[in-house]
Amino acid sequence: MSDTEIKIKGFEILSKYLGMVEMEKFISIIQNEKFDYTEWRQNLFNGMSGEEISKMAMDYIKNMPKA
């Protein structure tokens, strides 16, 4: 997938789940704050077991709006 395709898909997903106004707000927050994605990602599931992470993922999928 090209960079352009990734950007388009990202905008589509953000718009679908946040709406246009909240999507713009999210992008503004990310651009204006010092945000280290790698550090955030490393700490995202810190202290959780694989089973807990799996349950969270399954619950998330169950509660996602149908497309």
C-alpha atoms as a PDB file:
ATOM      1  CA  MET A   1       0.000   0.000   0.000  1.00  0.00           C
ATOM      2  CA  SER A   2       1.409   3.403  -0.943  1.00  0.00           C
ATOM      3  CA  ASP A   3       1.770   6.326   1.472  1.00  0.00           C
ATOM      4  CA  THR A   4      -1.113   8.097  -0.268  1.00  0.00           C
ATOM      5  CA  GLU A   5      -3.359   5.043   0.058  1.00  0.00           C
ATOM      6  CA  ILE A   6      -2.503   4.757   3.757  1.00  0.00           C
ATOM      7  CA  LYS A   7      -3.357   8.438   4.310  1.00  0.00           C
ATOM      8  CA  ILE A   8      -6.666   8.090   2.472  1.00  0.00           C
ATOM      9  CA  LYS A   9      -7.578   4.932   4.415  1.00  0.00           C
ATOM     10  CA  GLY A  10      -6.612   6.641   7.688  1.00  0.00           C
ATOM     11  CA  PHE A  11      -8.824   9.636   6.928  1.00  0.00           C
ATOM     12  CA  GLU A  12     -11.703   7.321   5.989  1.00  0.00           C
ATOM     13  CA  ILE A  13     -11.407   5.364   9.240  1.00  0.00           C
ATOM     14  CA  LEU A  14     -11.038   8.452  11.427  1.00  0.00           C
ATOM     15  CA  SER A  15     -13.966  10.134   9.703  1.00  0.00           C
ATOM     16  CA  LYS A  16     -16.166   7.044  10.024  1.00  0.00           C
ATOM     17  CA  TYR A  17     -15.546   6.509  13.735  1.00  0.00           C
ATOM     18  CA  LEU A  18     -14.945  10.072  14.954  1.00  0.00           C
ATOM     19  CA  GLY A  19     -16.839  12.238  12.486  1.00  0.00           C
ATOM     20  CA  MET A  20     -15.310  15.128  10.572  1.00  0.00           C
ATOM     21  CA  VAL A  21     -14.994  17.593  13.461  1.00  0.00           C
ATOM     22  CA  GLU A  22     -13.440  15.122  15.904  1.00  0.00           C
ATOM     23  CA  MET A  23     -11.179  13.772  13.155  1.00  0.00           C
ATOM     24  CA  GLU A  24      -9.813  17.273  12.539  1.00  0.00           C
ATOM     25  CA  LYS A  25      -9.399  17.762  16.289  1.00  0.00           C
ATOM     26  CA  PHE A  26      -7.508  14.446  16.586  1.00  0.00           C
ATOM     27  CA  ILE A  27      -5.157  15.377  13.743  1.00  0.00           C
ATOM     28  CA  SER A  28      -4.543  18.791  15.307  1.00  0.00           C
ATOM     29  CA  ILE A  29      -3.743  17.214  18.684  1.00  0.00           C
ATOM     30  CA  ILE A  30      -1.304  14.736  17.128  1.00  0.00           C
ATOM     31  CA  GLN A  31       0.435  17.467  15.123  1.00  0.00           C
ATOM     32  CA  ASN A  32       0.729  19.907  18.027  1.00  0.00           C
ATOM     33  CA  GLU A  33       1.762  17.551  20.823  1.00  0.00           C
ATOM     34  CA  LYS A  34       5.101  15.878  21.287  1.00  0.00           C
ATOM     35  CA  PHE A  35       3.979  12.320  20.624  1.00  0.00           C
ATOM     36  CA  ASP A  36       6.314   9.343  20.456  1.00  0.00           C
ATOM     37  CA  TYR A  37       4.316   6.554  18.813  1.00  0.00           C
ATOM     38  CA  THR A  38       7.027   3.956  19.495  1.00  0.00           C
ATOM     39  CA  GLU A  39       7.085   4.723  23.219  1.00  0.00           C
ATOM     40  CA  TRP A  40       3.269   4.820  23.374  1.00  0.00           C
ATOM     41  CA  ARG A  41       3.025   1.475  21.576  1.00  0.00           C
ATOM     42  CA  GLN A  42       5.597  -0.187  23.849  1.00  0.00           C
ATOM     43  CA  ASN A  43       3.619   0.822  26.939  1.00  0.00           C
ATOM     44  CA  LEU A  44       0.145   0.177  25.524  1.00  0.00           C
ATOM     45  CA  PHE A  45      -0.235  -3.352  26.891  1.00  0.00           C
ATOM     46  CA  ASN A  46       2.378  -3.138  29.650  1.00  0.00           C
ATOM     47  CA  GLY A  47       1.591  -5.575  32.460  1.00  0.00           C
ATOM     48  CA  MET A  48      -1.184  -7.366  30.560  1.00  0.00           C
ATOM     49  CA  SER A  49      -1.169 -11.051  29.746  1.00  0.00           C
ATOM     50  CA  GLY A  50      -1.699 -12.354  26.233  1.00  0.00           C
ATOM     51  CA  GLU A  51      -5.094 -13.646  27.346  1.00  0.00           C
ATOM     52  CA  GLU A  52      -6.138 -10.183  28.580  1.00  0.00           C
ATOM     53  CA  ILE A  53      -5.020  -8.552  25.337  1.00  0.00           C
ATOM     54  CA  SER A  54      -6.859 -11.189  23.306  1.00  0.00           C
ATOM     55  CA  LYS A  55     -10.071 -10.672  25.307  1.00  0.00           C
ATOM     56  CA  MET A  56      -9.844  -6.897  24.797  1.00  0.00           C
ATOM     57  CA  ALA A  57      -9.424  -7.410  21.046  1.00  0.00           C
ATOM     58  CA  MET A  58     -12.369  -9.823  20.852  1.00  0.00           C
ATOM     59  CA  ASP A  59     -14.595  -7.477  22.895  1.00  0.00           C
ATOM     60  CA  TYR A  60     -13.598  -4.578  20.645  1.00  0.00           C
ATOM     61  CA  ILE A  61     -14.487  -6.522  17.503  1.00  0.00           C
ATOM     62  CA  LYS A  62     -17.849  -7.582  18.975  1.00  0.00           C
ATOM     63  CA  ASN A  63     -18.741  -3.970  19.786  1.00  0.00           C
ATOM     64  CA  MET A  64     -17.617  -2.428  16.484  1.00  0.00           C
ATOM     65  CA  PRO A  65     -20.396  -0.953  14.374  1.00  0.00           C
ATOM     66  CA  LYS A  66     -21.198  -3.054  11.342  1.00  0.00           C
ATOM     67  CA  ALA A  67     -20.016  -1.493   8.090  1.00  0.00           C
END
